[in-house]
Amino acid sequence: MADTATDPPMVLRRTESAVPPIRPPGFEREQSASLDRDSLSFRAEHAVLNSASEATGLTADDGAAVSAFVSGTDFDRETLFLETALVGECYRLRLCSVSWGPEEIETEYARLLRPYDERCEADRSVFESRLIRLPVSLDADAVNAFGSSIGSGTCDSRVARAEATSKGDTSTNATSDGEGGARE
C-alpha cells in the first residue's frame, strides 16, 4: 500500500432496513428466492467515486448529510470510497485505518460492543455504510482490489501499525496512547 489514513473525513450511516443506508450509483440488489440481507451485489459493498457527477448519483437514507459531504470534496485532489458491511446488531465497527494504492484500497476495523443501554438482538444484523474521503485523486477504473479486516478490541495497535507503515517504519512495536473518541 502506498498511503494510509487513520482518521479520514467520513459519513457513517447504520440501518436495519433491507438495503444499505448509502447506495452507489446504479445500485442493484441481487434477486434471490430468499430475501436475505447477505445477497448484496459486489458493487454495493465497495464503490470508488472520483468525480462530482458520479458522486451525486449516490442514494442515501440521509441525503442531506451525504450531499453536504460530497459537496465538500475537491475531486481534483480527493476521491470518495464507499464501503458497506453487515454487522451484528449488538456491535458497531470503528474504522482504524484506510490504505490505498493506485489499484487497491484496504480498510481495518475494530468490532466493538454497543453500549449496554442500547437494545439489540444477538441474531440480527444491520448495514453500516461509510463514505470515506481519501486525500488523493484515484482512477476509479484502475482500483480493482479491495480488502477489509475486522478485529476485536480497540484500534490502538492497528492505528500505530498503520501510522508506522505509512512513515516507512515496518516494525510492529509501535504504540499509541489511547483510542480517542473521534475516529467514528
C-alpha atoms as a PDB file:
ATOM      1  CA  MET A   1       0.000   0.000   0.000  1.00  0.00           C
ATOM      2  CA  ALA A   2       1.191   3.448  -0.814  1.00  0.00           C
ATOM      3  CA  ASP A   3      -0.589   5.644   1.752  1.00  0.00           C
ATOM      4  CA  THR A   4      -2.623   5.277   4.946  1.00  0.00           C
ATOM      5  CA  ALA A   5      -5.021   7.473   6.903  1.00  0.00           C
ATOM      6  CA  THR A   6      -6.145   6.708  10.452  1.00  0.00           C
ATOM      7  CA  ASP A   7      -8.772   9.413  10.876  1.00  0.00           C
ATOM      8  CA  PRO A   8     -10.126  10.320   7.440  1.00  0.00           C
ATOM      9  CA  PRO A   9     -13.212  12.502   6.996  1.00  0.00           C
ATOM     10  CA  MET A  10     -16.269  10.287   6.553  1.00  0.00           C
ATOM     11  CA  VAL A  11     -20.010   9.913   6.827  1.00  0.00           C
ATOM     12  CA  LEU A  12     -21.244   6.829   8.690  1.00  0.00           C
ATOM     13  CA  ARG A  13     -24.811   5.576   8.424  1.00  0.00           C
ATOM     14  CA  ARG A  14     -26.319   2.480  10.042  1.00  0.00           C
ATOM     15  CA  THR A  15     -29.710   0.925   9.274  1.00  0.00           C
ATOM     16  CA  GLU A  16     -31.841  -2.109   9.988  1.00  0.00           C
ATOM     17  CA  SER A  17     -33.582  -1.845   6.606  1.00  0.00           C
ATOM     18  CA  ALA A  18     -33.307  -4.330   3.736  1.00  0.00           C
ATOM     19  CA  VAL A  19     -30.941  -2.075   1.757  1.00  0.00           C
ATOM     20  CA  PRO A  20     -27.751  -0.268   2.779  1.00  0.00           C
ATOM     21  CA  PRO A  21     -28.162   3.304   4.048  1.00  0.00           C
ATOM     22  CA  ILE A  22     -25.788   4.696   1.374  1.00  0.00           C
ATOM     23  CA  ARG A  23     -26.010   3.137  -2.078  1.00  0.00           C
ATOM     24  CA  PRO A  24     -23.709   3.689  -5.075  1.00  0.00           C
ATOM     25  CA  PRO A  25     -24.922   4.926  -8.447  1.00  0.00           C
ATOM     26  CA  GLY A  26     -26.623   2.047 -10.253  1.00  0.00           C
ATOM     27  CA  PHE A  27     -27.131   0.076  -7.036  1.00  0.00           C
ATOM     28  CA  GLU A  28     -28.703  -3.253  -7.784  1.00  0.00           C
ATOM     29  CA  ARG A  29     -29.777  -5.886  -5.382  1.00  0.00           C
ATOM     30  CA  GLU A  30     -29.340  -9.466  -6.498  1.00  0.00           C
ATOM     31  CA  GLN A  31     -32.664 -11.207  -6.836  1.00  0.00           C
ATOM     32  CA  SER A  32     -32.828 -14.349  -4.783  1.00  0.00           C
ATOM     33  CA  ALA A  33     -35.536 -16.735  -3.685  1.00  0.00           C
ATOM     34  CA  SER A  34     -34.874 -15.803  -0.077  1.00  0.00           C
ATOM     35  CA  LEU A  35     -34.799 -12.110   0.670  1.00  0.00           C
ATOM     36  CA  ASP A  36     -31.830 -12.333   2.985  1.00  0.00           C
ATOM     37  CA  ARG A  37     -29.541  -9.409   3.592  1.00  0.00           C
ATOM     38  CA  ASP A  38     -26.496 -11.420   2.523  1.00  0.00           C
ATOM     39  CA  SER A  39     -27.352 -11.004  -1.160  1.00  0.00           C
ATOM     40  CA  LEU A  40     -25.554  -7.700  -1.703  1.00  0.00           C
ATOM     41  CA  SER A  41     -24.014  -7.306  -5.117  1.00  0.00           C
ATOM     42  CA  PHE A  42     -20.254  -6.704  -5.188  1.00  0.00           C
ATOM     43  CA  ARG A  43     -20.833  -3.179  -6.423  1.00  0.00           C
ATOM     44  CA  ALA A  44     -22.859  -2.376  -3.326  1.00  0.00           C
ATOM     45  CA  GLU A  45     -20.058  -3.369  -0.961  1.00  0.00           C
ATOM     46  CA  HIS A  46     -17.424  -1.068  -2.472  1.00  0.00           C
ATOM     47  CA  ALA A  47     -17.500   1.929  -4.781  1.00  0.00           C
ATOM     48  CA  VAL A  48     -14.776   4.369  -5.768  1.00  0.00           C
ATOM     49  CA  LEU A  49     -16.124   7.767  -6.812  1.00  0.00           C
ATOM     50  CA  ASN A  50     -13.653  10.148  -8.433  1.00  0.00           C
ATOM     51  CA  SER A  51     -15.969  12.741  -9.978  1.00  0.00           C
ATOM     52  CA  ALA A  52     -18.721  15.016  -8.713  1.00  0.00           C
ATOM     53  CA  SER A  53     -21.091  13.747 -11.399  1.00  0.00           C
ATOM     54  CA  GLU A  54     -20.696  10.148 -10.248  1.00  0.00           C
ATOM     55  CA  ALA A  55     -20.859  11.043  -6.544  1.00  0.00           C
ATOM     56  CA  THR A  56     -24.120  12.939  -6.989  1.00  0.00           C
ATOM     57  CA  GLY A  57     -25.592   9.600  -8.093  1.00  0.00           C
ATOM     58  CA  LEU A  58     -25.305   8.246  -4.550  1.00  0.00           C
ATOM     59  CA  THR A  59     -28.596   7.415  -2.875  1.00  0.00           C
ATOM     60  CA  ALA A  60     -28.829   7.710   0.895  1.00  0.00           C
ATOM     61  CA  ASP A  61     -31.331   7.431   3.706  1.00  0.00           C
ATOM     62  CA  ASP A  62     -29.978  10.764   4.978  1.00  0.00           C
ATOM     63  CA  GLY A  63     -29.421  12.502   1.670  1.00  0.00           C
ATOM     64  CA  ALA A  64     -28.647  15.927   3.168  1.00  0.00           C
ATOM     65  CA  ALA A  65     -25.586  14.739   5.116  1.00  0.00           C
ATOM     66  CA  VAL A  66     -24.247  12.771   2.161  1.00  0.00           C
ATOM     67  CA  SER A  67     -24.869  15.669  -0.273  1.00  0.00           C
ATOM     68  CA  ALA A  68     -23.039  18.095   2.029  1.00  0.00           C
ATOM     69  CA  PHE A  69     -20.114  15.649   2.314  1.00  0.00           C
ATOM     70  CA  VAL A  70     -19.953  15.199  -1.465  1.00  0.00           C
ATOM     71  CA  SER A  71     -20.128  18.988  -1.978  1.00  0.00           C
ATOM     72  CA  GLY A  72     -17.151  19.417   0.338  1.00  0.00           C
ATOM     73  CA  THR A  73     -14.981  17.103  -1.773  1.00  0.00           C
ATOM     74  CA  ASP A  74     -12.387  18.511  -4.183  1.00  0.00           C
ATOM     75  CA  PHE A  75     -12.351  15.792  -6.844  1.00  0.00           C
ATOM     76  CA  ASP A  76      -9.182  17.232  -8.407  1.00  0.00           C
ATOM     77  CA  ARG A  77      -7.321  16.204  -5.231  1.00  0.00           C
ATOM     78  CA  GLU A  78      -9.670  13.778  -3.429  1.00  0.00           C
ATOM     79  CA  THR A  79     -11.597  10.550  -4.008  1.00  0.00           C
ATOM     80  CA  LEU A  80     -14.633   9.148  -2.209  1.00  0.00           C
ATOM     81  CA  PHE A  81     -14.673   5.500  -1.170  1.00  0.00           C
ATOM     82  CA  LEU A  82     -17.956   3.846  -0.177  1.00  0.00           C
ATOM     83  CA  GLU A  83     -17.812   0.656   1.856  1.00  0.00           C
ATOM     84  CA  THR A  84     -20.818  -1.227   3.244  1.00  0.00           C
ATOM     85  CA  ALA A  85     -20.753  -4.157   5.663  1.00  0.00           C
ATOM     86  CA  LEU A  86     -23.234  -6.294   7.549  1.00  0.00           C
ATOM     87  CA  VAL A  87     -22.634  -6.052  11.299  1.00  0.00           C
ATOM     88  CA  GLY A  88     -24.224  -7.914  14.188  1.00  0.00           C
ATOM     89  CA  GLU A  89     -26.840  -5.605  15.686  1.00  0.00           C
ATOM     90  CA  CYS A  90     -25.156  -5.654  19.122  1.00  0.00           C
ATOM     91  CA  TYR A  91     -21.854  -4.482  17.642  1.00  0.00           C
ATOM     92  CA  ARG A  92     -20.503  -1.489  15.789  1.00  0.00           C
ATOM     93  CA  LEU A  93     -17.404  -1.139  13.660  1.00  0.00           C
ATOM     94  CA  ARG A  94     -14.786   1.517  14.301  1.00  0.00           C
ATOM     95  CA  LEU A  95     -12.594   2.413  11.334  1.00  0.00           C
ATOM     96  CA  CYS A  96      -8.968   2.047  12.429  1.00  0.00           C
ATOM     97  CA  SER A  97      -7.302   2.833   9.102  1.00  0.00           C
ATOM     98  CA  VAL A  98      -7.756   3.013   5.366  1.00  0.00           C
ATOM     99  CA  SER A  99      -4.848   2.370   2.991  1.00  0.00           C
ATOM    100  CA  TRP A 100      -4.734   2.870  -0.748  1.00  0.00           C
ATOM    101  CA  GLY A 101      -2.592   2.484  -3.798  1.00  0.00           C
ATOM    102  CA  PRO A 102      -3.276   3.054  -7.497  1.00  0.00           C
ATOM    103  CA  GLU A 103      -5.103  -0.292  -7.821  1.00  0.00           C
ATOM    104  CA  GLU A 104      -6.358  -1.200  -4.332  1.00  0.00           C
ATOM    105  CA  ILE A 105      -7.999   0.050  -1.154  1.00  0.00           C
ATOM    106  CA  GLU A 106      -7.875  -1.728   2.221  1.00  0.00           C
ATOM    107  CA  THR A 107      -9.647  -0.962   5.482  1.00  0.00           C
ATOM    108  CA  GLU A 108      -9.092  -2.154   9.038  1.00  0.00           C
ATOM    109  CA  TYR A 109     -11.843  -2.123  11.668  1.00  0.00           C
ATOM    110  CA  ALA A 110     -12.267  -2.922  15.330  1.00  0.00           C
ATOM    111  CA  ARG A 111     -15.539  -4.647  16.252  1.00  0.00           C
ATOM    112  CA  LEU A 112     -16.884  -3.143  19.466  1.00  0.00           C
ATOM    113  CA  LEU A 113     -19.913  -3.920  21.601  1.00  0.00           C
ATOM    114  CA  ARG A 114     -22.550  -1.227  21.528  1.00  0.00           C
ATOM    115  CA  PRO A 115     -23.371   0.484  24.840  1.00  0.00           C
ATOM    116  CA  TYR A 116     -25.289  -1.700  27.291  1.00  0.00           C
ATOM    117  CA  ASP A 117     -28.259   0.664  27.336  1.00  0.00           C
ATOM    118  CA  GLU A 118     -28.897   0.339  23.581  1.00  0.00           C
ATOM    119  CA  ARG A 119     -31.317  -2.501  22.858  1.00  0.00           C
ATOM    120  CA  CYS A 120     -30.257  -5.140  20.336  1.00  0.00           C
ATOM    121  CA  GLU A 121     -30.850  -8.740  19.330  1.00  0.00           C
ATOM    122  CA  ALA A 122     -27.886 -11.078  19.102  1.00  0.00           C
ATOM    123  CA  ASP A 123     -29.111 -12.892  15.984  1.00  0.00           C
ATOM    124  CA  ARG A 124     -29.888  -9.781  13.899  1.00  0.00           C
ATOM    125  CA  SER A 125     -27.625  -7.856  11.528  1.00  0.00           C
ATOM    126  CA  VAL A 126     -27.643  -4.268  10.322  1.00  0.00           C
ATOM    127  CA  PHE A 127     -25.925  -2.442   7.482  1.00  0.00           C
ATOM    128  CA  GLU A 128     -23.165   0.069   8.147  1.00  0.00           C
ATOM    129  CA  SER A 129     -22.142   2.259   5.204  1.00  0.00           C
ATOM    130  CA  ARG A 130     -19.140   4.560   5.303  1.00  0.00           C
ATOM    131  CA  LEU A 131     -18.418   7.230   2.725  1.00  0.00           C
ATOM    132  CA  ILE A 132     -14.725   7.987   3.245  1.00  0.00           C
ATOM    133  CA  ARG A 133     -12.846  10.927   1.722  1.00  0.00           C
ATOM    134  CA  LEU A 134      -9.336   9.929   0.635  1.00  0.00           C
ATOM    135  CA  PRO A 135      -6.733  12.715   0.223  1.00  0.00           C
ATOM    136  CA  VAL A 136      -5.712  11.523  -3.242  1.00  0.00           C
ATOM    137  CA  SER A 137      -7.171  11.547  -6.730  1.00  0.00           C
ATOM    138  CA  LEU A 138      -7.515   7.897  -7.742  1.00  0.00           C
ATOM    139  CA  ASP A 139      -8.570   6.489 -11.101  1.00  0.00           C
ATOM    140  CA  ALA A 140     -11.785   4.663 -10.161  1.00  0.00           C
ATOM    141  CA  ASP A 141     -11.436   2.282 -13.127  1.00  0.00           C
ATOM    142  CA  ALA A 142      -7.922   1.274 -12.058  1.00  0.00           C
ATOM    143  CA  VAL A 143      -8.914   0.379  -8.479  1.00  0.00           C
ATOM    144  CA  ASN A 144      -9.884  -3.273  -8.754  1.00  0.00           C
ATOM    145  CA  ALA A 145      -8.894  -4.818  -5.424  1.00  0.00           C
ATOM    146  CA  PHE A 146     -10.496  -4.275  -2.043  1.00  0.00           C
ATOM    147  CA  GLY A 147      -9.624  -5.723   1.342  1.00  0.00           C
ATOM    148  CA  SER A 148     -11.120  -5.352   4.768  1.00  0.00           C
ATOM    149  CA  SER A 149     -10.176  -6.851   8.121  1.00  0.00           C
ATOM    150  CA  ILE A 150     -12.152  -6.775  11.328  1.00  0.00           C
ATOM    151  CA  GLY A 151     -10.531  -7.427  14.678  1.00  0.00           C
ATOM    152  CA  SER A 152     -11.770  -7.313  18.239  1.00  0.00           C
ATOM    153  CA  GLY A 153     -10.656  -4.819  20.842  1.00  0.00           C
ATOM    154  CA  THR A 154      -9.583  -1.250  20.216  1.00  0.00           C
ATOM    155  CA  CYS A 155      -7.869   0.361  17.261  1.00  0.00           C
ATOM    156  CA  ASP A 156      -4.716   1.252  19.230  1.00  0.00           C
ATOM    157  CA  SER A 157      -2.324  -1.366  17.836  1.00  0.00           C
ATOM    158  CA  ARG A 158      -3.774  -1.246  14.307  1.00  0.00           C
ATOM    159  CA  VAL A 159      -3.559   2.564  14.190  1.00  0.00           C
ATOM    160  CA  ALA A 160       0.009   2.525  15.491  1.00  0.00           C
ATOM    161  CA  ARG A 161       0.977  -0.105  12.903  1.00  0.00           C
ATOM    162  CA  ALA A 162      -0.737   1.826  10.089  1.00  0.00           C
ATOM    163  CA  GLU A 163       0.927   5.104  11.086  1.00  0.00           C
ATOM    164  CA  ALA A 164       4.337   3.437  11.349  1.00  0.00           C
ATOM    165  CA  THR A 165       3.907   1.729   7.969  1.00  0.00           C
ATOM    166  CA  SER A 166       2.893   4.969   6.256  1.00  0.00           C
ATOM    167  CA  LYS A 167       6.071   6.602   7.612  1.00  0.00           C
ATOM    168  CA  GLY A 168       8.207   3.766   6.260  1.00  0.00           C
ATOM    169  CA  ASP A 169       8.781   2.056   9.638  1.00  0.00           C
ATOM    170  CA  THR A 170       7.893  -1.619   9.259  1.00  0.00           C
ATOM    171  CA  SER A 171       8.409  -2.589  12.901  1.00  0.00           C
ATOM    172  CA  THR A 172       5.323  -3.742  14.769  1.00  0.00           C
ATOM    173  CA  ASN A 173       6.357  -2.491  18.210  1.00  0.00           C
ATOM    174  CA  ALA A 174       4.821   0.969  17.827  1.00  0.00           C
ATOM    175  CA  THR A 175       2.313   2.006  20.475  1.00  0.00           C
ATOM    176  CA  SER A 176      -0.406   4.564  20.746  1.00  0.00           C
ATOM    177  CA  ASP A 177      -1.655   6.318  23.844  1.00  0.00           C
ATOM    178  CA  GLY A 178      -5.396   5.799  23.721  1.00  0.00           C
ATOM    179  CA  GLU A 179      -8.014   5.355  21.128  1.00  0.00           C
ATOM    180  CA  GLY A 180      -9.509   8.807  21.270  1.00  0.00           C
ATOM    181  CA  GLY A 181     -13.147   9.368  20.573  1.00  0.00           C
ATOM    182  CA  ALA A 182     -13.201  10.977  17.160  1.00  0.00           C
ATOM    183  CA  ARG A 183     -12.442   8.128  14.790  1.00  0.00           C
ATOM    184  CA  GLU A 184     -16.100   7.481  14.026  1.00  0.00           C
END
